[in-house]
């Protein structure tokens, strides 16, 4: 069969030329409709203009722990040094109840506090026993063990993960081997908080990896759960 190779216009109509069986006549209106249908089907197949949508969310309202002082948690290790008082200096691990024990001072609350806040309380309490100039204290975090998060749902390796630095949603999913073949990663959720403060943050993982939704690649907080449907 000889392929059609040319379109000619005659009195407002289009003639198909070179089809091997004489000119066939179709109206410009029909061609226009067919063209629009073909374009629509093509764009639909490519997903142009559709995209994955989820309810609007103010991602800027979520805290970025990378921009503030580290908050201590259970199993973290701190080195407390009291200047010229080696007997009062110690390494301490934050217990599951959130406390540490120091010579002379006994138990202090550490979990939920920054090293700076812990240092301020130690100085205040040491003031009872030491002169002001001797109460020179430093608190250094030497072991980060409380930063844990969960990745579950349709991922290759669901589980509880630890890190010694803050990770983002995309990094957490990379640790879990990424979404599996059953996943709908555009509907990923960060489940944050508990009880009345619990909130579900919608995240389009496909948009994050494609670079179209970088604002959704939030850093995870300790205790966050990343769920991939």
C-alpha atoms as a PDB file:
ATOM      1  CA  UNK A   1       0.000   0.000   0.000  1.00  0.00           C
ATOM      2  CA  UNK A   2       1.224   3.492  -0.820  1.00  0.00           C
ATOM      3  CA  UNK A   3       1.265   5.772   2.238  1.00  0.00           C
ATOM      4  CA  UNK A   4      -0.525   9.118   2.241  1.00  0.00           C
ATOM      5  CA  UNK A   5       2.104  11.810   1.881  1.00  0.00           C
ATOM      6  CA  UNK A   6       0.313  15.094   1.354  1.00  0.00           C
ATOM      7  CA  UNK A   7      -2.711  17.109   2.404  1.00  0.00           C
ATOM      8  CA  UNK A   8      -4.229  19.651   0.020  1.00  0.00           C
ATOM      9  CA  UNK A   9      -7.010  22.116   0.618  1.00  0.00           C
ATOM     10  CA  UNK A  10      -9.936  22.472  -1.821  1.00  0.00           C
ATOM     11  CA  UNK A  11     -12.853  24.768  -1.036  1.00  0.00           C
ATOM     12  CA  UNK A  12     -12.520  24.482   2.684  1.00  0.00           C
ATOM     13  CA  UNK A  13     -11.904  20.748   2.659  1.00  0.00           C
ATOM     14  CA  UNK A  14      -8.783  18.626   2.979  1.00  0.00           C
ATOM     15  CA  UNK A  15      -7.902  16.035   0.307  1.00  0.00           C
ATOM     16  CA  UNK A  16      -5.695  13.079   1.230  1.00  0.00           C
ATOM     17  CA  UNK A  17      -3.342  12.625  -1.689  1.00  0.00           C
ATOM     18  CA  UNK A  18      -1.285   9.569  -2.615  1.00  0.00           C
ATOM     19  CA  UNK A  19      -3.227   6.966  -0.621  1.00  0.00           C
ATOM     20  CA  UNK A  20      -3.343   4.651  -3.592  1.00  0.00           C
ATOM     21  CA  UNK A  21      -7.091   4.741  -4.093  1.00  0.00           C
ATOM     22  CA  UNK A  22      -7.828   8.292  -5.154  1.00  0.00           C
ATOM     23  CA  UNK A  23      -8.442  11.394  -3.094  1.00  0.00           C
ATOM     24  CA  UNK A  24     -10.449  10.987   0.068  1.00  0.00           C
ATOM     25  CA  UNK A  25     -12.199  14.081   1.354  1.00  0.00           C
ATOM     26  CA  UNK A  26     -12.730  14.909   5.030  1.00  0.00           C
ATOM     27  CA  UNK A  27     -13.820  18.164   6.544  1.00  0.00           C
ATOM     28  CA  UNK A  28     -11.456  20.473   8.402  1.00  0.00           C
ATOM     29  CA  UNK A  29     -13.804  20.209  11.396  1.00  0.00           C
ATOM     30  CA  UNK A  30     -13.353  16.420  11.542  1.00  0.00           C
ATOM     31  CA  UNK A  31      -9.591  16.744  11.222  1.00  0.00           C
ATOM     32  CA  UNK A  32      -9.581  19.321  13.971  1.00  0.00           C
ATOM     33  CA  UNK A  33     -11.555  17.041  16.287  1.00  0.00           C
ATOM     34  CA  UNK A  34      -9.297  14.112  15.526  1.00  0.00           C
ATOM     35  CA  UNK A  35      -6.223  16.255  16.145  1.00  0.00           C
ATOM     36  CA  UNK A  36      -7.524  17.413  19.510  1.00  0.00           C
ATOM     37  CA  UNK A  37      -8.415  13.861  20.512  1.00  0.00           C
ATOM     38  CA  UNK A  38      -4.957  12.614  19.525  1.00  0.00           C
ATOM     39  CA  UNK A  39      -3.307  15.451  21.473  1.00  0.00           C
ATOM     40  CA  UNK A  40      -5.432  14.753  24.539  1.00  0.00           C
ATOM     41  CA  UNK A  41      -4.626  11.037  24.469  1.00  0.00           C
ATOM     42  CA  UNK A  42      -0.924  11.787  24.073  1.00  0.00           C
ATOM     43  CA  UNK A  43      -0.842  14.227  26.973  1.00  0.00           C
ATOM     44  CA  UNK A  44      -2.887  11.845  29.109  1.00  0.00           C
ATOM     45  CA  UNK A  45      -0.443   9.051  28.419  1.00  0.00           C
ATOM     46  CA  UNK A  46       2.479  11.241  29.437  1.00  0.00           C
ATOM     47  CA  UNK A  47       0.699  12.487  32.543  1.00  0.00           C
ATOM     48  CA  UNK A  48       1.124  16.129  31.441  1.00  0.00           C
ATOM     49  CA  UNK A  49      -0.961  18.553  33.445  1.00  0.00           C
ATOM     50  CA  UNK A  50      -2.323  15.856  35.749  1.00  0.00           C
ATOM     51  CA  UNK A  51       0.368  15.353  38.391  1.00  0.00           C
ATOM     52  CA  UNK A  52      -0.180  14.028  41.868  1.00  0.00           C
ATOM     53  CA  UNK A  53      -1.980  16.364  44.166  1.00  0.00           C
ATOM     54  CA  UNK A  54      -2.491  16.242  47.902  1.00  0.00           C
ATOM     55  CA  UNK A  55      -4.088  18.679  50.346  1.00  0.00           C
ATOM     56  CA  UNK A  56      -2.072  21.900  50.685  1.00  0.00           C
ATOM     57  CA  UNK A  57       0.342  21.940  53.592  1.00  0.00           C
ATOM     58  CA  UNK A  58       2.537  24.643  55.078  1.00  0.00           C
ATOM     59  CA  UNK A  59       5.880  22.836  55.064  1.00  0.00           C
ATOM     60  CA  UNK A  60       7.676  25.969  56.258  1.00  0.00           C
ATOM     61  CA  UNK A  61       5.833  25.641  59.582  1.00  0.00           C
ATOM     62  CA  UNK A  62       7.655  22.407  60.418  1.00  0.00           C
ATOM     63  CA  UNK A  63      10.806  22.722  62.555  1.00  0.00           C
ATOM     64  CA  UNK A  64      14.240  22.141  61.070  1.00  0.00           C
ATOM     65  CA  UNK A  65      16.370  20.537  63.804  1.00  0.00           C
ATOM     66  CA  UNK A  66      19.515  21.246  61.794  1.00  0.00           C
ATOM     67  CA  UNK A  67      19.145  24.944  62.557  1.00  0.00           C
ATOM     68  CA  UNK A  68      19.010  24.722  66.337  1.00  0.00           C
ATOM     69  CA  UNK A  69      20.980  23.231  69.214  1.00  0.00           C
ATOM     70  CA  UNK A  70      20.741  19.488  69.582  1.00  0.00           C
ATOM     71  CA  UNK A  71      18.156  18.196  72.055  1.00  0.00           C
ATOM     72  CA  UNK A  72      19.316  15.318  74.210  1.00  0.00           C
ATOM     73  CA  UNK A  73      17.436  12.050  74.382  1.00  0.00           C
ATOM     74  CA  UNK A  74      17.592   8.590  75.890  1.00  0.00           C
ATOM     75  CA  UNK A  75      20.904   6.717  75.328  1.00  0.00           C
ATOM     76  CA  UNK A  76      22.811   9.843  74.294  1.00  0.00           C
ATOM     77  CA  UNK A  77      26.246  10.199  75.901  1.00  0.00           C
ATOM     78  CA  UNK A  78      27.567  13.472  77.313  1.00  0.00           C
ATOM     79  CA  UNK A  79      30.987  14.405  78.638  1.00  0.00           C
ATOM     80  CA  UNK A  80      30.749  16.868  81.507  1.00  0.00           C
ATOM     81  CA  UNK A  81      33.925  18.645  82.515  1.00  0.00           C
ATOM     82  CA  UNK A  82      34.225  20.853  85.573  1.00  0.00           C
ATOM     83  CA  UNK A  83      37.370  22.986  85.360  1.00  0.00           C
ATOM     84  CA  UNK A  84      40.008  22.095  87.960  1.00  0.00           C
ATOM     85  CA  UNK A  85      37.641  19.539  89.485  1.00  0.00           C
ATOM     86  CA  UNK A  86      38.338  16.164  87.879  1.00  0.00           C
ATOM     87  CA  UNK A  87      36.394  14.394  90.629  1.00  0.00           C
ATOM     88  CA  UNK A  88      33.248  16.197  89.473  1.00  0.00           C
ATOM     89  CA  UNK A  89      33.885  15.589  85.792  1.00  0.00           C
ATOM     90  CA  UNK A  90      32.277  12.528  84.229  1.00  0.00           C
ATOM     91  CA  UNK A  91      30.897  10.799  81.173  1.00  0.00           C
ATOM     92  CA  UNK A  92      27.188  10.114  81.507  1.00  0.00           C
ATOM     93  CA  UNK A  93      24.620   8.208  79.456  1.00  0.00           C
ATOM     94  CA  UNK A  94      21.043   9.463  79.434  1.00  0.00           C
ATOM     95  CA  UNK A  95      18.961   6.703  80.987  1.00  0.00           C
ATOM     96  CA  UNK A  96      15.552   5.579  79.662  1.00  0.00           C
ATOM     97  CA  UNK A  97      13.915   7.759  82.314  1.00  0.00           C
ATOM     98  CA  UNK A  98      15.689  10.776  80.806  1.00  0.00           C
ATOM     99  CA  UNK A  99      18.099  11.444  83.662  1.00  0.00           C
ATOM    100  CA  UNK A 100      21.857  11.332  84.267  1.00  0.00           C
ATOM    101  CA  UNK A 101      23.824  11.040  87.490  1.00  0.00           C
ATOM    102  CA  UNK A 102      26.649  13.395  88.466  1.00  0.00           C
ATOM    103  CA  UNK A 103      29.049  13.304  91.405  1.00  0.00           C
ATOM    104  CA  UNK A 104      27.927  15.525  94.258  1.00  0.00           C
ATOM    105  CA  UNK A 105      24.779  16.658  92.408  1.00  0.00           C
ATOM    106  CA  UNK A 106      22.978  13.354  92.005  1.00  0.00           C
ATOM    107  CA  UNK A 107      20.330  12.942  89.272  1.00  0.00           C
ATOM    108  CA  UNK A 108      19.563  15.656  86.739  1.00  0.00           C
ATOM    109  CA  UNK A 109      17.009  15.747  83.986  1.00  0.00           C
ATOM    110  CA  UNK A 110      18.777  15.619  80.601  1.00  0.00           C
ATOM    111  CA  UNK A 111      16.305  14.307  78.001  1.00  0.00           C
ATOM    112  CA  UNK A 112      14.396  17.072  76.267  1.00  0.00           C
ATOM    113  CA  UNK A 113      17.093  19.628  77.077  1.00  0.00           C
ATOM    114  CA  UNK A 114      19.919  21.069  75.028  1.00  0.00           C
ATOM    115  CA  UNK A 115      23.526  20.762  76.256  1.00  0.00           C
ATOM    116  CA  UNK A 116      23.431  24.490  76.988  1.00  0.00           C
ATOM    117  CA  UNK A 117      20.371  24.138  79.209  1.00  0.00           C
ATOM    118  CA  UNK A 118      21.914  21.186  81.034  1.00  0.00           C
ATOM    119  CA  UNK A 119      25.131  23.145  81.555  1.00  0.00           C
ATOM    120  CA  UNK A 120      23.219  26.086  83.034  1.00  0.00           C
ATOM    121  CA  UNK A 121      21.555  23.870  85.649  1.00  0.00           C
ATOM    122  CA  UNK A 122      24.837  22.176  86.568  1.00  0.00           C
ATOM    123  CA  UNK A 123      26.506  25.562  87.099  1.00  0.00           C
ATOM    124  CA  UNK A 124      23.598  26.750  89.208  1.00  0.00           C
ATOM    125  CA  UNK A 125      23.632  23.685  91.436  1.00  0.00           C
ATOM    126  CA  UNK A 126      27.432  23.636  91.731  1.00  0.00           C
ATOM    127  CA  UNK A 127      27.297  27.205  92.965  1.00  0.00           C
ATOM    128  CA  UNK A 128      26.256  25.847  96.348  1.00  0.00           C
ATOM    129  CA  UNK A 129      29.560  24.005  96.672  1.00  0.00           C
ATOM    130  CA  UNK A 130      32.067  25.907  94.557  1.00  0.00           C
ATOM    131  CA  UNK A 131      33.131  29.500  94.132  1.00  0.00           C
ATOM    132  CA  UNK A 132      31.806  31.171  91.006  1.00  0.00           C
ATOM    133  CA  UNK A 133      35.174  31.166  89.263  1.00  0.00           C
ATOM    134  CA  UNK A 134      35.537  27.422  89.884  1.00  0.00           C
ATOM    135  CA  UNK A 135      32.128  26.546  88.438  1.00  0.00           C
ATOM    136  CA  UNK A 136      33.418  26.547  84.868  1.00  0.00           C
ATOM    137  CA  UNK A 137      31.531  23.727  83.149  1.00  0.00           C
ATOM    138  CA  UNK A 138      31.444  22.327  79.639  1.00  0.00           C
ATOM    139  CA  UNK A 139      28.930  19.794  78.315  1.00  0.00           C
ATOM    140  CA  UNK A 140      29.867  17.963  75.127  1.00  0.00           C
ATOM    141  CA  UNK A 141      27.745  15.409  73.287  1.00  0.00           C
ATOM    142  CA  UNK A 142      30.023  12.464  72.513  1.00  0.00           C
ATOM    143  CA  UNK A 143      27.436   9.915  71.448  1.00  0.00           C
ATOM    144  CA  UNK A 144      24.168  10.421  69.557  1.00  0.00           C
ATOM    145  CA  UNK A 145      21.981   7.358  70.042  1.00  0.00           C
ATOM    146  CA  UNK A 146      18.486   8.772  70.549  1.00  0.00           C
ATOM    147  CA  UNK A 147      17.867   9.826  66.949  1.00  0.00           C
ATOM    148  CA  UNK A 148      15.558   7.063  65.767  1.00  0.00           C
ATOM    149  CA  UNK A 149      12.777   6.965  63.178  1.00  0.00           C
ATOM    150  CA  UNK A 150      10.561   4.348  61.546  1.00  0.00           C
ATOM    151  CA  UNK A 151      10.105   3.631  57.834  1.00  0.00           C
ATOM    152  CA  UNK A 152       7.258   1.237  57.026  1.00  0.00           C
ATOM    153  CA  UNK A 153       4.647   0.386  54.427  1.00  0.00           C
ATOM    154  CA  UNK A 154       5.581  -0.585  50.880  1.00  0.00           C
ATOM    155  CA  UNK A 155       9.361  -0.253  51.112  1.00  0.00           C
ATOM    156  CA  UNK A 156      12.076  -2.825  50.568  1.00  0.00           C
ATOM    157  CA  UNK A 157      13.375  -2.863  54.167  1.00  0.00           C
ATOM    158  CA  UNK A 158      10.859  -1.569  56.687  1.00  0.00           C
ATOM    159  CA  UNK A 159      12.151  -1.030  60.201  1.00  0.00           C
ATOM    160  CA  UNK A 160      13.493   1.262  62.908  1.00  0.00           C
ATOM    161  CA  UNK A 161      16.562   3.238  61.865  1.00  0.00           C
ATOM    162  CA  UNK A 162      19.231   5.141  63.783  1.00  0.00           C
ATOM    163  CA  UNK A 163      21.530   7.866  62.526  1.00  0.00           C
ATOM    164  CA  UNK A 164      24.117  10.139  64.093  1.00  0.00           C
ATOM    165  CA  UNK A 165      22.948  13.062  61.962  1.00  0.00           C
ATOM    166  CA  UNK A 166      19.573  14.366  60.847  1.00  0.00           C
ATOM    167  CA  UNK A 167      18.208  12.781  57.668  1.00  0.00           C
ATOM    168  CA  UNK A 168      15.494  13.885  55.268  1.00  0.00           C
ATOM    169  CA  UNK A 169      12.527  11.902  53.927  1.00  0.00           C
ATOM    170  CA  UNK A 170      14.383  10.926  50.759  1.00  0.00           C
ATOM    171  CA  UNK A 171      17.455   9.850  52.739  1.00  0.00           C
ATOM    172  CA  UNK A 172      15.311   7.774  55.106  1.00  0.00           C
ATOM    173  CA  UNK A 173      13.658   5.985  52.194  1.00  0.00           C
ATOM    174  CA  UNK A 174      17.071   5.375  50.644  1.00  0.00           C
ATOM    175  CA  UNK A 175      18.156   3.681  53.892  1.00  0.00           C
ATOM    176  CA  UNK A 176      15.042   1.503  53.633  1.00  0.00           C
ATOM    177  CA  UNK A 177      15.876   0.479  50.064  1.00  0.00           C
ATOM    178  CA  UNK A 178      13.288   2.767  48.491  1.00  0.00           C
ATOM    179  CA  UNK A 179       9.627   2.074  47.631  1.00  0.00           C
ATOM    180  CA  UNK A 180       8.870  -1.440  46.394  1.00  0.00           C
ATOM    181  CA  UNK A 181       6.940  -2.307  43.225  1.00  0.00           C
ATOM    182  CA  UNK A 182       3.605  -2.230  45.042  1.00  0.00           C
ATOM    183  CA  UNK A 183       4.099   1.274  46.424  1.00  0.00           C
ATOM    184  CA  UNK A 184       2.320   4.524  45.654  1.00  0.00           C
ATOM    185  CA  UNK A 185       5.196   6.785  46.778  1.00  0.00           C
ATOM    186  CA  UNK A 186       3.413   9.986  45.750  1.00  0.00           C
ATOM    187  CA  UNK A 187       1.134   9.397  48.758  1.00  0.00           C
ATOM    188  CA  UNK A 188       3.925   9.107  51.346  1.00  0.00           C
ATOM    189  CA  UNK A 189       3.155  10.406  54.849  1.00  0.00           C
ATOM    190  CA  UNK A 190       5.252  11.624  57.759  1.00  0.00           C
ATOM    191  CA  UNK A 191       3.406  10.721  60.965  1.00  0.00           C
ATOM    192  CA  UNK A 192       4.672  13.095  63.631  1.00  0.00           C
ATOM    193  CA  UNK A 193       3.839  13.481  67.292  1.00  0.00           C
ATOM    194  CA  UNK A 194       1.425  11.562  69.491  1.00  0.00           C
ATOM    195  CA  UNK A 195      -2.051  11.981  70.904  1.00  0.00           C
ATOM    196  CA  UNK A 196      -3.538  15.448  70.403  1.00  0.00           C
ATOM    197  CA  UNK A 197      -0.353  16.708  68.719  1.00  0.00           C
ATOM    198  CA  UNK A 198      -0.252  13.896  66.132  1.00  0.00           C
ATOM    199  CA  UNK A 199      -0.268  15.131  62.565  1.00  0.00           C
ATOM    200  CA  UNK A 200       0.063  13.523  59.143  1.00  0.00           C
ATOM    201  CA  UNK A 201       2.273  15.441  56.752  1.00  0.00           C
ATOM    202  CA  UNK A 202       1.679  14.577  53.071  1.00  0.00           C
ATOM    203  CA  UNK A 203       4.833  14.072  51.012  1.00  0.00           C
ATOM    204  CA  UNK A 204       5.143  13.402  47.280  1.00  0.00           C
ATOM    205  CA  UNK A 205       8.273  11.243  47.104  1.00  0.00           C
ATOM    206  CA  UNK A 206       8.098  11.166  43.302  1.00  0.00           C
ATOM    207  CA  UNK A 207       8.061  14.966  43.244  1.00  0.00           C
ATOM    208  CA  UNK A 208      11.012  15.085  45.636  1.00  0.00           C
ATOM    209  CA  UNK A 209      13.159  12.766  43.540  1.00  0.00           C
ATOM    210  CA  UNK A 210      12.225  14.544  40.309  1.00  0.00           C
ATOM    211  CA  UNK A 211      13.134  17.914  41.805  1.00  0.00           C
ATOM    212  CA  UNK A 212       9.675  19.453  41.437  1.00  0.00           C
ATOM    213  CA  UNK A 213       8.812  19.413  45.176  1.00  0.00           C
ATOM    214  CA  UNK A 214      12.059  20.014  47.095  1.00  0.00           C
ATOM    215  CA  UNK A 215      10.201  21.788  49.908  1.00  0.00           C
ATOM    216  CA  UNK A 216       8.605  18.468  50.873  1.00  0.00           C
ATOM    217  CA  UNK A 217      11.924  16.740  51.604  1.00  0.00           C
ATOM    218  CA  UNK A 218      11.673  17.575  55.292  1.00  0.00           C
ATOM    219  CA  UNK A 219      14.292  16.599  57.889  1.00  0.00           C
ATOM    220  CA  UNK A 220      12.916  13.963  60.217  1.00  0.00           C
ATOM    221  CA  UNK A 221      12.537  14.514  63.945  1.00  0.00           C
ATOM    222  CA  UNK A 222      13.270  11.808  66.515  1.00  0.00           C
ATOM    223  CA  UNK A 223      10.307   9.428  66.668  1.00  0.00           C
ATOM    224  CA  UNK A 224       8.929  10.305  63.213  1.00  0.00           C
ATOM    225  CA  UNK A 225       7.316   7.560  61.149  1.00  0.00           C
ATOM    226  CA  UNK A 226       7.530   7.557  57.364  1.00  0.00           C
ATOM    227  CA  UNK A 227       4.733   5.535  55.759  1.00  0.00           C
ATOM    228  CA  UNK A 228       4.644   4.615  52.060  1.00  0.00           C
ATOM    229  CA  UNK A 229       1.212   3.334  50.945  1.00  0.00           C
END
